[in-house]
């Protein structure tokens, strides 16, 4: 039998611990992009299961309404089984608002990691099982944890130019939650709080992506580049700043910051190495960059664009020419992957 935790329940919520716990979780699991992939947390705790109301109703042959009554919640609960030292988080997956569901899971995870059940010696944390002070403290701490996990303030401040719609979209939370997040950040800034911590370094790539996100009106690609004149997927000049679509993911090759692959895109040779411009097996280019080159009368390079390209870039974002990967047949034409069943949103913008 697991020994129960007899921690003192403070009258005031410990927001600092809740925030620190959420940051530590992101750092430990190396989660570095928004929206936070909650599924990556599901198997991270050996004594915790995270399941839906539908799952619970099916294994017990009861209705969703029955589950709501048992859990005493329309949204979710954190169930503690002290004899086994195990936890079960249930969330109502029948709710249509995905942002609400994600917040519920994060909120209940906060109860679990902050050991609210063990501190209160309660299997469930409901109003009728706790004093009003206990309930309010635990709810505030769990909400603080959820906010810090799903919408880390330092990362959002680094992205800047925030509003409710943007926060809701970036973090995949409800508008109601986004209002509270924005209010928290604004209050902090007004009080002179500096939102800087280790998450800025961890989320550096994600911050860059959101700062320099562009959308193509022709192929609906969303890409990140500080300065671009052309879409890297279709070569169109019809690009606008900001994320206008859900990401249309086009196929490509994994490359480093210099556009170099570790595995040849043609023959799958894994011994590419750090030197040379071509695969030693099939002579395919191993660096994706702009193919635009001018030669003089003697065949020497007089000028070249040489812009480094992403692993799925068919065209140069600077001059619009084909990239080496596309020119050499290592990438499919974007039209082969474009979702033709979807109507082009360009007409309604």
C-alpha atoms as a PDB file:
ATOM      1  CA  UNK A   1       0.000   0.000   0.000  1.00  0.00           C
ATOM      2  CA  UNK A   2       1.305   3.399  -0.965  1.00  0.00           C
ATOM      3  CA  UNK A   3       1.905   5.796   1.919  1.00  0.00           C
ATOM      4  CA  UNK A   4      -0.360   8.801   1.646  1.00  0.00           C
ATOM      5  CA  UNK A   5       1.132  12.251   1.445  1.00  0.00           C
ATOM      6  CA  UNK A   6       0.192  14.429   4.404  1.00  0.00           C
ATOM      7  CA  UNK A   7       1.149  17.814   3.054  1.00  0.00           C
ATOM      8  CA  UNK A   8      -0.245  20.975   4.528  1.00  0.00           C
ATOM      9  CA  UNK A   9      -2.792  22.710   2.327  1.00  0.00           C
ATOM     10  CA  UNK A  10      -1.912  26.364   2.108  1.00  0.00           C
ATOM     11  CA  UNK A  11      -4.579  29.051   2.133  1.00  0.00           C
ATOM     12  CA  UNK A  12      -2.982  30.819  -0.828  1.00  0.00           C
ATOM     13  CA  UNK A  13      -2.318  29.159  -4.165  1.00  0.00           C
ATOM     14  CA  UNK A  14       1.338  28.428  -4.917  1.00  0.00           C
ATOM     15  CA  UNK A  15       1.508  29.759  -8.463  1.00  0.00           C
ATOM     16  CA  UNK A  16       5.319  29.711  -8.581  1.00  0.00           C
ATOM     17  CA  UNK A  17       5.446  25.952  -8.020  1.00  0.00           C
ATOM     18  CA  UNK A  18       2.704  25.331 -10.578  1.00  0.00           C
ATOM     19  CA  UNK A  19       4.561  27.365 -13.221  1.00  0.00           C
ATOM     20  CA  UNK A  20       7.907  25.756 -12.383  1.00  0.00           C
ATOM     21  CA  UNK A  21       6.395  22.265 -12.602  1.00  0.00           C
ATOM     22  CA  UNK A  22       4.943  22.968 -16.052  1.00  0.00           C
ATOM     23  CA  UNK A  23       8.237  24.403 -17.340  1.00  0.00           C
ATOM     24  CA  UNK A  24      10.181  21.445 -15.959  1.00  0.00           C
ATOM     25  CA  UNK A  25       7.840  19.030 -17.745  1.00  0.00           C
ATOM     26  CA  UNK A  26       8.355  20.760 -21.106  1.00  0.00           C
ATOM     27  CA  UNK A  27      12.117  20.817 -20.611  1.00  0.00           C
ATOM     28  CA  UNK A  28      12.340  17.191 -19.457  1.00  0.00           C
ATOM     29  CA  UNK A  29      10.333  15.876 -22.414  1.00  0.00           C
ATOM     30  CA  UNK A  30      12.034  18.350 -24.792  1.00  0.00           C
ATOM     31  CA  UNK A  31       8.710  19.595 -26.112  1.00  0.00           C
ATOM     32  CA  UNK A  32       9.679  22.593 -28.230  1.00  0.00           C
ATOM     33  CA  UNK A  33       6.780  23.553 -30.485  1.00  0.00           C
ATOM     34  CA  UNK A  34       3.273  24.975 -30.324  1.00  0.00           C
ATOM     35  CA  UNK A  35       0.627  23.764 -29.979  1.00  0.00           C
ATOM     36  CA  UNK A  36       1.869  21.438 -27.237  1.00  0.00           C
ATOM     37  CA  UNK A  37       1.443  17.780 -28.227  1.00  0.00           C
ATOM     38  CA  UNK A  38      -0.376  16.444 -25.178  1.00  0.00           C
ATOM     39  CA  UNK A  39      -0.228  12.907 -26.566  1.00  0.00           C
ATOM     40  CA  UNK A  40       3.501  12.901 -25.832  1.00  0.00           C
ATOM     41  CA  UNK A  41       2.669  13.113 -22.133  1.00  0.00           C
ATOM     42  CA  UNK A  42       0.355  10.120 -22.003  1.00  0.00           C
ATOM     43  CA  UNK A  43       3.048   7.468 -21.517  1.00  0.00           C
ATOM     44  CA  UNK A  44       5.430   9.609 -19.475  1.00  0.00           C
ATOM     45  CA  UNK A  45       4.090   8.653 -16.046  1.00  0.00           C
ATOM     46  CA  UNK A  46       4.061   4.966 -15.036  1.00  0.00           C
ATOM     47  CA  UNK A  47       1.295   5.357 -12.436  1.00  0.00           C
ATOM     48  CA  UNK A  48      -1.026   7.468 -14.592  1.00  0.00           C
ATOM     49  CA  UNK A  49      -3.535   6.681 -17.325  1.00  0.00           C
ATOM     50  CA  UNK A  50      -5.251   9.367 -19.396  1.00  0.00           C
ATOM     51  CA  UNK A  51      -8.492   8.137 -20.918  1.00  0.00           C
ATOM     52  CA  UNK A  52     -11.696   9.534 -22.422  1.00  0.00           C
ATOM     53  CA  UNK A  53     -15.239   9.445 -21.102  1.00  0.00           C
ATOM     54  CA  UNK A  54     -16.131   7.268 -24.098  1.00  0.00           C
ATOM     55  CA  UNK A  55     -13.482   4.712 -23.102  1.00  0.00           C
ATOM     56  CA  UNK A  56     -14.799   4.630 -19.524  1.00  0.00           C
ATOM     57  CA  UNK A  57     -18.418   4.330 -20.633  1.00  0.00           C
ATOM     58  CA  UNK A  58     -17.651   1.446 -22.977  1.00  0.00           C
ATOM     59  CA  UNK A  59     -15.657  -0.681 -20.533  1.00  0.00           C
ATOM     60  CA  UNK A  60     -18.331  -0.210 -17.846  1.00  0.00           C
ATOM     61  CA  UNK A  61     -21.288  -0.391 -20.266  1.00  0.00           C
ATOM     62  CA  UNK A  62     -22.740   2.925 -19.132  1.00  0.00           C
ATOM     63  CA  UNK A  63     -23.683   6.178 -20.856  1.00  0.00           C
ATOM     64  CA  UNK A  64     -21.680   9.399 -21.074  1.00  0.00           C
ATOM     65  CA  UNK A  65     -24.298  10.969 -18.810  1.00  0.00           C
ATOM     66  CA  UNK A  66     -23.520   8.273 -16.254  1.00  0.00           C
ATOM     67  CA  UNK A  67     -19.812   9.099 -16.470  1.00  0.00           C
ATOM     68  CA  UNK A  68     -20.577  12.790 -15.929  1.00  0.00           C
ATOM     69  CA  UNK A  69     -22.566  11.869 -12.830  1.00  0.00           C
ATOM     70  CA  UNK A  70     -19.860   9.560 -11.485  1.00  0.00           C
ATOM     71  CA  UNK A  71     -17.071  12.089 -12.028  1.00  0.00           C
ATOM     72  CA  UNK A  72     -19.268  14.997 -10.954  1.00  0.00           C
ATOM     73  CA  UNK A  73     -17.920  16.956 -13.922  1.00  0.00           C
ATOM     74  CA  UNK A  74     -18.974  17.805 -17.467  1.00  0.00           C
ATOM     75  CA  UNK A  75     -15.301  18.211 -18.431  1.00  0.00           C
ATOM     76  CA  UNK A  76     -13.024  15.753 -16.617  1.00  0.00           C
ATOM     77  CA  UNK A  77     -11.519  14.551 -13.375  1.00  0.00           C
ATOM     78  CA  UNK A  78      -8.363  13.225 -11.735  1.00  0.00           C
ATOM     79  CA  UNK A  79      -9.054   9.973  -9.910  1.00  0.00           C
ATOM     80  CA  UNK A  80      -6.654   8.728  -7.258  1.00  0.00           C
ATOM     81  CA  UNK A  81      -6.472   5.081  -6.147  1.00  0.00           C
ATOM     82  CA  UNK A  82      -4.313   5.164  -2.996  1.00  0.00           C
ATOM     83  CA  UNK A  83      -4.212   1.412  -2.474  1.00  0.00           C
ATOM     84  CA  UNK A  84      -2.411   0.970  -5.807  1.00  0.00           C
ATOM     85  CA  UNK A  85      -0.782   4.385  -5.814  1.00  0.00           C
ATOM     86  CA  UNK A  86      -2.265   4.931  -9.282  1.00  0.00           C
ATOM     87  CA  UNK A  87      -4.093   7.769 -11.017  1.00  0.00           C
ATOM     88  CA  UNK A  88      -6.672   7.950 -13.772  1.00  0.00           C
ATOM     89  CA  UNK A  89      -7.417  11.165 -15.639  1.00  0.00           C
ATOM     90  CA  UNK A  90     -10.710  11.141 -17.499  1.00  0.00           C
ATOM     91  CA  UNK A  91     -11.725  13.820 -19.995  1.00  0.00           C
ATOM     92  CA  UNK A  92     -14.989  14.370 -21.825  1.00  0.00           C
ATOM     93  CA  UNK A  93     -14.102  13.758 -25.472  1.00  0.00           C
ATOM     94  CA  UNK A  94     -17.704  14.362 -26.578  1.00  0.00           C
ATOM     95  CA  UNK A  95     -17.304  18.109 -26.070  1.00  0.00           C
ATOM     96  CA  UNK A  96     -17.047  19.793 -29.471  1.00  0.00           C
ATOM     97  CA  UNK A  97     -14.488  22.412 -28.411  1.00  0.00           C
ATOM     98  CA  UNK A  98     -11.039  20.808 -28.844  1.00  0.00           C
ATOM     99  CA  UNK A  99      -9.382  23.701 -27.028  1.00  0.00           C
ATOM    100  CA  UNK A 100     -11.594  23.054 -24.011  1.00  0.00           C
ATOM    101  CA  UNK A 101     -10.665  19.355 -24.035  1.00  0.00           C
ATOM    102  CA  UNK A 102      -6.947  20.149 -24.192  1.00  0.00           C
ATOM    103  CA  UNK A 103      -7.243  22.578 -21.276  1.00  0.00           C
ATOM    104  CA  UNK A 104      -9.136  19.968 -19.242  1.00  0.00           C
ATOM    105  CA  UNK A 105      -6.399  17.374 -19.758  1.00  0.00           C
ATOM    106  CA  UNK A 106      -3.678  19.877 -18.826  1.00  0.00           C
ATOM    107  CA  UNK A 107      -5.691  21.051 -15.814  1.00  0.00           C
ATOM    108  CA  UNK A 108      -6.163  17.513 -14.495  1.00  0.00           C
ATOM    109  CA  UNK A 109      -2.503  16.764 -15.169  1.00  0.00           C
ATOM    110  CA  UNK A 110      -1.746  19.732 -12.930  1.00  0.00           C
ATOM    111  CA  UNK A 111      -3.749  18.143 -10.111  1.00  0.00           C
ATOM    112  CA  UNK A 112      -1.727  14.961 -10.603  1.00  0.00           C
ATOM    113  CA  UNK A 113       1.749  16.517 -10.708  1.00  0.00           C
ATOM    114  CA  UNK A 114       1.023  18.938  -7.864  1.00  0.00           C
ATOM    115  CA  UNK A 115      -0.233  15.964  -5.797  1.00  0.00           C
ATOM    116  CA  UNK A 116      -3.518  17.603  -4.861  1.00  0.00           C
ATOM    117  CA  UNK A 117      -5.276  14.275  -4.277  1.00  0.00           C
ATOM    118  CA  UNK A 118      -2.566  13.021  -1.965  1.00  0.00           C
ATOM    119  CA  UNK A 119      -2.280  16.314  -0.109  1.00  0.00           C
ATOM    120  CA  UNK A 120      -6.016  16.346   0.550  1.00  0.00           C
ATOM    121  CA  UNK A 121      -6.296  12.568   0.989  1.00  0.00           C
ATOM    122  CA  UNK A 122      -9.169  12.531  -1.532  1.00  0.00           C
ATOM    123  CA  UNK A 123      -9.743  10.122  -4.400  1.00  0.00           C
ATOM    124  CA  UNK A 124     -11.568  12.878  -6.318  1.00  0.00           C
ATOM    125  CA  UNK A 125     -11.283  16.644  -6.106  1.00  0.00           C
ATOM    126  CA  UNK A 126     -14.858  17.905  -6.145  1.00  0.00           C
ATOM    127  CA  UNK A 127     -16.586  20.745  -4.334  1.00  0.00           C
ATOM    128  CA  UNK A 128     -18.560  18.423  -2.078  1.00  0.00           C
ATOM    129  CA  UNK A 129     -15.415  16.552  -0.977  1.00  0.00           C
ATOM    130  CA  UNK A 130     -13.222  19.564  -0.152  1.00  0.00           C
ATOM    131  CA  UNK A 131     -13.569  22.731   1.854  1.00  0.00           C
ATOM    132  CA  UNK A 132     -14.169  25.838  -0.218  1.00  0.00           C
ATOM    133  CA  UNK A 133     -10.634  27.095   0.505  1.00  0.00           C
ATOM    134  CA  UNK A 134      -9.063  23.768  -0.473  1.00  0.00           C
ATOM    135  CA  UNK A 135     -11.077  23.559  -3.674  1.00  0.00           C
ATOM    136  CA  UNK A 136     -10.275  27.129  -4.741  1.00  0.00           C
ATOM    137  CA  UNK A 137      -6.534  26.734  -4.042  1.00  0.00           C
ATOM    138  CA  UNK A 138      -6.300  23.491  -6.009  1.00  0.00           C
ATOM    139  CA  UNK A 139      -8.315  24.859  -8.939  1.00  0.00           C
ATOM    140  CA  UNK A 140      -6.185  28.011  -9.172  1.00  0.00           C
ATOM    141  CA  UNK A 141      -2.959  26.010  -9.082  1.00  0.00           C
ATOM    142  CA  UNK A 142      -4.217  23.521 -11.704  1.00  0.00           C
ATOM    143  CA  UNK A 143      -5.323  26.358 -13.999  1.00  0.00           C
ATOM    144  CA  UNK A 144      -1.954  28.045 -13.548  1.00  0.00           C
ATOM    145  CA  UNK A 145      -0.246  24.788 -14.497  1.00  0.00           C
ATOM    146  CA  UNK A 146      -2.479  24.363 -17.566  1.00  0.00           C
ATOM    147  CA  UNK A 147      -1.778  27.924 -18.708  1.00  0.00           C
ATOM    148  CA  UNK A 148       1.967  27.506 -18.218  1.00  0.00           C
ATOM    149  CA  UNK A 149       1.968  24.185 -20.079  1.00  0.00           C
ATOM    150  CA  UNK A 150      -0.264  24.993 -23.047  1.00  0.00           C
ATOM    151  CA  UNK A 151       0.495  28.708 -23.415  1.00  0.00           C
ATOM    152  CA  UNK A 152       3.949  29.405 -21.916  1.00  0.00           C
ATOM    153  CA  UNK A 153       4.060  33.156 -21.323  1.00  0.00           C
ATOM    154  CA  UNK A 154       7.740  33.677 -22.157  1.00  0.00           C
ATOM    155  CA  UNK A 155       7.293  31.997 -25.553  1.00  0.00           C
ATOM    156  CA  UNK A 156       4.165  33.992 -26.403  1.00  0.00           C
ATOM    157  CA  UNK A 157       5.792  37.280 -25.368  1.00  0.00           C
ATOM    158  CA  UNK A 158       8.784  36.438 -27.562  1.00  0.00           C
ATOM    159  CA  UNK A 159       6.421  35.885 -30.509  1.00  0.00           C
ATOM    160  CA  UNK A 160       4.722  39.222 -29.781  1.00  0.00           C
ATOM    161  CA  UNK A 161       1.799  40.988 -31.490  1.00  0.00           C
ATOM    162  CA  UNK A 162      -0.651  38.844 -29.582  1.00  0.00           C
ATOM    163  CA  UNK A 163      -4.423  38.865 -29.528  1.00  0.00           C
ATOM    164  CA  UNK A 164      -7.066  36.385 -28.441  1.00  0.00           C
ATOM    165  CA  UNK A 165      -7.490  34.784 -31.875  1.00  0.00           C
ATOM    166  CA  UNK A 166      -3.732  34.388 -32.383  1.00  0.00           C
ATOM    167  CA  UNK A 167      -3.170  32.822 -28.963  1.00  0.00           C
ATOM    168  CA  UNK A 168      -6.111  30.467 -29.470  1.00  0.00           C
ATOM    169  CA  UNK A 169      -4.738  29.434 -32.873  1.00  0.00           C
ATOM    170  CA  UNK A 170      -1.083  29.075 -31.871  1.00  0.00           C
ATOM    171  CA  UNK A 171      -1.755  27.209 -28.619  1.00  0.00           C
ATOM    172  CA  UNK A 172      -4.919  25.372 -29.699  1.00  0.00           C
ATOM    173  CA  UNK A 173      -6.920  26.493 -26.691  1.00  0.00           C
ATOM    174  CA  UNK A 174     -10.430  27.905 -26.435  1.00  0.00           C
ATOM    175  CA  UNK A 175     -11.127  31.609 -26.909  1.00  0.00           C
ATOM    176  CA  UNK A 176     -12.135  31.813 -23.254  1.00  0.00           C
ATOM    177  CA  UNK A 177      -8.784  30.400 -22.167  1.00  0.00           C
ATOM    178  CA  UNK A 178      -6.965  32.678 -24.630  1.00  0.00           C
ATOM    179  CA  UNK A 179      -8.677  35.714 -23.068  1.00  0.00           C
ATOM    180  CA  UNK A 180      -7.360  34.699 -19.650  1.00  0.00           C
ATOM    181  CA  UNK A 181      -3.858  34.032 -21.006  1.00  0.00           C
ATOM    182  CA  UNK A 182      -3.717  37.415 -22.710  1.00  0.00           C
ATOM    183  CA  UNK A 183      -5.035  39.137 -19.580  1.00  0.00           C
ATOM    184  CA  UNK A 184      -2.358  37.441 -17.466  1.00  0.00           C
ATOM    185  CA  UNK A 185       0.430  38.521 -19.828  1.00  0.00           C
ATOM    186  CA  UNK A 186      -0.827  42.099 -20.056  1.00  0.00           C
ATOM    187  CA  UNK A 187      -1.124  42.411 -16.281  1.00  0.00           C
ATOM    188  CA  UNK A 188       2.399  41.094 -15.897  1.00  0.00           C
ATOM    189  CA  UNK A 189       3.825  43.522 -18.442  1.00  0.00           C
ATOM    190  CA  UNK A 190       1.990  46.439 -16.825  1.00  0.00           C
ATOM    191  CA  UNK A 191       3.552  45.479 -13.491  1.00  0.00           C
ATOM    192  CA  UNK A 192       7.016  45.378 -15.055  1.00  0.00           C
ATOM    193  CA  UNK A 193       7.370  41.602 -15.106  1.00  0.00           C
ATOM    194  CA  UNK A 194      10.024  40.266 -17.474  1.00  0.00           C
ATOM    195  CA  UNK A 195       8.872  37.071 -19.165  1.00  0.00           C
ATOM    196  CA  UNK A 196      12.190  35.322 -19.777  1.00  0.00           C
ATOM    197  CA  UNK A 197      13.161  31.752 -18.902  1.00  0.00           C
ATOM    198  CA  UNK A 198      14.793  28.656 -20.378  1.00  0.00           C
ATOM    199  CA  UNK A 199      11.771  27.947 -22.580  1.00  0.00           C
ATOM    200  CA  UNK A 200      12.770  30.745 -24.959  1.00  0.00           C
ATOM    201  CA  UNK A 201      15.865  28.775 -25.949  1.00  0.00           C
ATOM    202  CA  UNK A 202      13.952  25.493 -26.085  1.00  0.00           C
ATOM    203  CA  UNK A 203      11.215  27.002 -28.302  1.00  0.00           C
ATOM    204  CA  UNK A 204      13.602  29.091 -30.396  1.00  0.00           C
ATOM    205  CA  UNK A 205      12.699  27.366 -33.662  1.00  0.00           C
ATOM    206  CA  UNK A 206       8.965  27.635 -32.950  1.00  0.00           C
ATOM    207  CA  UNK A 207       9.303  31.316 -32.058  1.00  0.00           C
ATOM    208  CA  UNK A 208      11.163  31.970 -35.312  1.00  0.00           C
ATOM    209  CA  UNK A 209       8.494  30.118 -37.264  1.00  0.00           C
ATOM    210  CA  UNK A 210       5.663  32.196 -35.832  1.00  0.00           C
ATOM    211  CA  UNK A 211       7.579  35.472 -36.135  1.00  0.00           C
ATOM    212  CA  UNK A 212       8.311  34.977 -39.825  1.00  0.00           C
ATOM    213  CA  UNK A 213       5.391  32.793 -40.924  1.00  0.00           C
ATOM    214  CA  UNK A 214       4.089  33.347 -44.465  1.00  0.00           C
ATOM    215  CA  UNK A 215       1.199  31.779 -46.344  1.00  0.00           C
ATOM    216  CA  UNK A 216       0.931  31.108 -50.060  1.00  0.00           C
ATOM    217  CA  UNK A 217      -2.429  31.936 -51.607  1.00  0.00           C
ATOM    218  CA  UNK A 218      -1.892  29.486 -54.461  1.00  0.00           C
ATOM    219  CA  UNK A 219      -0.695  26.222 -52.885  1.00  0.00           C
ATOM    220  CA  UNK A 220      -1.753  26.985 -49.279  1.00  0.00           C
ATOM    221  CA  UNK A 221       1.723  26.223 -47.943  1.00  0.00           C
ATOM    222  CA  UNK A 222       2.739  27.829 -44.661  1.00  0.00           C
ATOM    223  CA  UNK A 223       6.455  28.474 -44.324  1.00  0.00           C
ATOM    224  CA  UNK A 224       8.850  30.557 -42.275  1.00  0.00           C
ATOM    225  CA  UNK A 225      11.418  32.892 -43.751  1.00  0.00           C
ATOM    226  CA  UNK A 226      12.628  36.333 -42.672  1.00  0.00           C
ATOM    227  CA  UNK A 227      12.801  37.666 -46.217  1.00  0.00           C
ATOM    228  CA  UNK A 228      11.052  35.976 -49.096  1.00  0.00           C
ATOM    229  CA  UNK A 229       9.763  37.018 -52.492  1.00  0.00           C
ATOM    230  CA  UNK A 230       8.477  33.660 -53.680  1.00  0.00           C
ATOM    231  CA  UNK A 231       6.771  30.603 -52.224  1.00  0.00           C
ATOM    232  CA  UNK A 232       9.316  27.783 -51.777  1.00  0.00           C
ATOM    233  CA  UNK A 233       6.728  25.153 -52.761  1.00  0.00           C
ATOM    234  CA  UNK A 234       5.087  26.471 -55.919  1.00  0.00           C
ATOM    235  CA  UNK A 235       7.205  29.526 -56.764  1.00  0.00           C
ATOM    236  CA  UNK A 236       4.229  31.897 -56.593  1.00  0.00           C
ATOM    237  CA  UNK A 237       4.588  35.554 -55.643  1.00  0.00           C
ATOM    238  CA  UNK A 238       1.110  35.424 -54.113  1.00  0.00           C
ATOM    239  CA  UNK A 239       2.340  35.234 -50.514  1.00  0.00           C
ATOM    240  CA  UNK A 240       1.180  37.077 -47.433  1.00  0.00           C
ATOM    241  CA  UNK A 241       2.674  37.435 -43.981  1.00  0.00           C
ATOM    242  CA  UNK A 242       1.172  35.335 -41.221  1.00  0.00           C
ATOM    243  CA  UNK A 243      -0.402  31.909 -41.011  1.00  0.00           C
ATOM    244  CA  UNK A 244      -3.620  31.925 -43.007  1.00  0.00           C
ATOM    245  CA  UNK A 245      -4.217  28.184 -43.370  1.00  0.00           C
ATOM    246  CA  UNK A 246      -3.814  24.978 -41.444  1.00  0.00           C
ATOM    247  CA  UNK A 247      -0.410  23.714 -42.483  1.00  0.00           C
ATOM    248  CA  UNK A 248      -0.491  21.996 -45.872  1.00  0.00           C
ATOM    249  CA  UNK A 249       2.512  19.715 -45.451  1.00  0.00           C
ATOM    250  CA  UNK A 250       4.447  19.023 -48.648  1.00  0.00           C
ATOM    251  CA  UNK A 251       6.932  16.163 -48.813  1.00  0.00           C
ATOM    252  CA  UNK A 252      10.642  16.808 -48.565  1.00  0.00           C
ATOM    253  CA  UNK A 253      13.930  15.689 -47.060  1.00  0.00           C
ATOM    254  CA  UNK A 254      15.325  16.279 -43.589  1.00  0.00           C
ATOM    255  CA  UNK A 255      18.128  18.834 -43.777  1.00  0.00           C
ATOM    256  CA  UNK A 256      20.282  20.826 -41.384  1.00  0.00           C
ATOM    257  CA  UNK A 257      20.455  24.626 -41.197  1.00  0.00           C
ATOM    258  CA  UNK A 258      22.717  24.619 -44.272  1.00  0.00           C
ATOM    259  CA  UNK A 259      20.204  22.665 -46.329  1.00  0.00           C
ATOM    260  CA  UNK A 260      22.336  19.491 -46.257  1.00  0.00           C
ATOM    261  CA  UNK A 261      20.791  16.035 -45.954  1.00  0.00           C
ATOM    262  CA  UNK A 262      22.162  13.214 -43.834  1.00  0.00           C
ATOM    263  CA  UNK A 263      20.626  10.584 -46.136  1.00  0.00           C
ATOM    264  CA  UNK A 264      20.705  10.888 -49.911  1.00  0.00           C
ATOM    265  CA  UNK A 265      17.287  11.729 -51.296  1.00  0.00           C
ATOM    266  CA  UNK A 266      17.728   9.503 -54.333  1.00  0.00           C
ATOM    267  CA  UNK A 267      19.582   6.317 -53.352  1.00  0.00           C
ATOM    268  CA  UNK A 268      19.172   6.538 -49.545  1.00  0.00           C
ATOM    269  CA  UNK A 269      22.935   6.418 -49.016  1.00  0.00           C
ATOM    270  CA  UNK A 270      23.496   7.123 -45.310  1.00  0.00           C
ATOM    271  CA  UNK A 271      27.196   7.968 -45.677  1.00  0.00           C
ATOM    272  CA  UNK A 272      26.742  11.492 -46.979  1.00  0.00           C
ATOM    273  CA  UNK A 273      29.299  13.051 -44.646  1.00  0.00           C
ATOM    274  CA  UNK A 274      30.078  16.729 -44.167  1.00  0.00           C
ATOM    275  CA  UNK A 275      32.140  17.300 -47.296  1.00  0.00           C
ATOM    276  CA  UNK A 276      31.253  17.508 -50.963  1.00  0.00           C
ATOM    277  CA  UNK A 277      28.181  18.644 -52.833  1.00  0.00           C
ATOM    278  CA  UNK A 278      27.065  15.360 -54.382  1.00  0.00           C
ATOM    279  CA  UNK A 279      26.313  11.822 -53.236  1.00  0.00           C
ATOM    280  CA  UNK A 280      29.278   9.511 -53.837  1.00  0.00           C
ATOM    281  CA  UNK A 281      26.916   6.693 -54.887  1.00  0.00           C
ATOM    282  CA  UNK A 282      24.432   8.283 -57.292  1.00  0.00           C
ATOM    283  CA  UNK A 283      25.753  11.852 -57.745  1.00  0.00           C
ATOM    284  CA  UNK A 284      22.534  13.455 -56.495  1.00  0.00           C
ATOM    285  CA  UNK A 285      22.978  16.873 -54.846  1.00  0.00           C
ATOM    286  CA  UNK A 286      23.128  16.682 -51.052  1.00  0.00           C
ATOM    287  CA  UNK A 287      22.639  20.413 -50.451  1.00  0.00           C
ATOM    288  CA  UNK A 288      19.329  22.006 -51.362  1.00  0.00           C
ATOM    289  CA  UNK A 289      19.859  25.517 -52.606  1.00  0.00           C
ATOM    290  CA  UNK A 290      18.959  27.762 -55.505  1.00  0.00           C
ATOM    291  CA  UNK A 291      20.058  26.501 -58.928  1.00  0.00           C
ATOM    292  CA  UNK A 292      20.233  29.974 -60.490  1.00  0.00           C
ATOM    293  CA  UNK A 293      23.783  30.444 -61.821  1.00  0.00           C
ATOM    294  CA  UNK A 294      25.263  32.716 -64.515  1.00  0.00           C
ATOM    295  CA  UNK A 295      28.448  31.713 -66.331  1.00  0.00           C
ATOM    296  CA  UNK A 296      30.889  33.862 -68.273  1.00  0.00           C
ATOM    297  CA  UNK A 297      32.149  33.073 -71.761  1.00  0.00           C
ATOM    298  CA  UNK A 298      34.856  30.818 -70.340  1.00  0.00           C
ATOM    299  CA  UNK A 299      32.439  28.701 -68.335  1.00  0.00           C
ATOM    300  CA  UNK A 300      33.299  30.174 -64.973  1.00  0.00           C
ATOM    301  CA  UNK A 301      30.644  31.152 -62.485  1.00  0.00           C
ATOM    302  CA  UNK A 302      30.038  34.870 -62.813  1.00  0.00           C
ATOM    303  CA  UNK A 303      27.109  35.091 -60.391  1.00  0.00           C
ATOM    304  CA  UNK A 304      24.931  32.718 -58.421  1.00  0.00           C
ATOM    305  CA  UNK A 305      21.969  33.188 -56.109  1.00  0.00           C
ATOM    306  CA  UNK A 306      23.130  30.389 -53.774  1.00  0.00           C
ATOM    307  CA  UNK A 307      20.198  30.860 -51.350  1.00  0.00           C
ATOM    308  CA  UNK A 308      19.937  27.897 -48.955  1.00  0.00           C
ATOM    309  CA  UNK A 309      16.581  26.130 -49.264  1.00  0.00           C
ATOM    310  CA  UNK A 310      14.470  24.003 -46.943  1.00  0.00           C
ATOM    311  CA  UNK A 311      14.308  20.259 -47.482  1.00  0.00           C
ATOM    312  CA  UNK A 312      10.906  20.479 -49.202  1.00  0.00           C
ATOM    313  CA  UNK A 313      11.556  23.687 -51.170  1.00  0.00           C
ATOM    314  CA  UNK A 314      10.947  23.372 -54.902  1.00  0.00           C
ATOM    315  CA  UNK A 315      11.731  27.023 -55.581  1.00  0.00           C
ATOM    316  CA  UNK A 316      14.069  29.670 -54.255  1.00  0.00           C
ATOM    317  CA  UNK A 317      12.378  32.184 -51.961  1.00  0.00           C
ATOM    318  CA  UNK A 318      14.749  34.923 -53.169  1.00  0.00           C
ATOM    319  CA  UNK A 319      14.668  34.719 -56.964  1.00  0.00           C
ATOM    320  CA  UNK A 320      11.991  32.116 -57.706  1.00  0.00           C
ATOM    321  CA  UNK A 321      14.274  29.707 -59.595  1.00  0.00           C
ATOM    322  CA  UNK A 322      14.100  25.959 -59.134  1.00  0.00           C
ATOM    323  CA  UNK A 323      16.086  24.453 -56.275  1.00  0.00           C
ATOM    324  CA  UNK A 324      18.693  21.754 -56.863  1.00  0.00           C
ATOM    325  CA  UNK A 325      16.509  19.086 -55.261  1.00  0.00           C
ATOM    326  CA  UNK A 326      13.546  19.871 -57.508  1.00  0.00           C
ATOM    327  CA  UNK A 327      15.636  20.330 -60.649  1.00  0.00           C
ATOM    328  CA  UNK A 328      17.235  16.911 -60.108  1.00  0.00           C
ATOM    329  CA  UNK A 329      13.946  15.112 -59.492  1.00  0.00           C
ATOM    330  CA  UNK A 330      14.360  14.634 -55.741  1.00  0.00           C
ATOM    331  CA  UNK A 331      11.053  16.376 -55.035  1.00  0.00           C
ATOM    332  CA  UNK A 332       7.642  15.835 -56.615  1.00  0.00           C
ATOM    333  CA  UNK A 333       5.835  18.713 -58.315  1.00  0.00           C
ATOM    334  CA  UNK A 334       3.681  20.455 -55.727  1.00  0.00           C
ATOM    335  CA  UNK A 335       0.576  19.909 -57.877  1.00  0.00           C
ATOM    336  CA  UNK A 336       0.849  16.146 -57.243  1.00  0.00           C
ATOM    337  CA  UNK A 337       0.285  16.717 -53.533  1.00  0.00           C
ATOM    338  CA  UNK A 338      -2.044  19.700 -53.547  1.00  0.00           C
ATOM    339  CA  UNK A 339      -5.434  18.842 -51.982  1.00  0.00           C
ATOM    340  CA  UNK A 340      -7.547  19.298 -55.090  1.00  0.00           C
ATOM    341  CA  UNK A 341     -10.679  18.289 -53.178  1.00  0.00           C
ATOM    342  CA  UNK A 342     -10.382  21.486 -51.156  1.00  0.00           C
ATOM    343  CA  UNK A 343     -11.519  24.756 -52.666  1.00  0.00           C
ATOM    344  CA  UNK A 344      -8.775  27.319 -53.080  1.00  0.00           C
ATOM    345  CA  UNK A 345      -9.240  29.806 -50.260  1.00  0.00           C
ATOM    346  CA  UNK A 346      -7.663  32.584 -52.322  1.00  0.00           C
ATOM    347  CA  UNK A 347     -11.077  33.462 -53.703  1.00  0.00           C
ATOM    348  CA  UNK A 348     -12.585  34.216 -50.307  1.00  0.00           C
ATOM    349  CA  UNK A 349      -9.733  36.293 -48.876  1.00  0.00           C
END
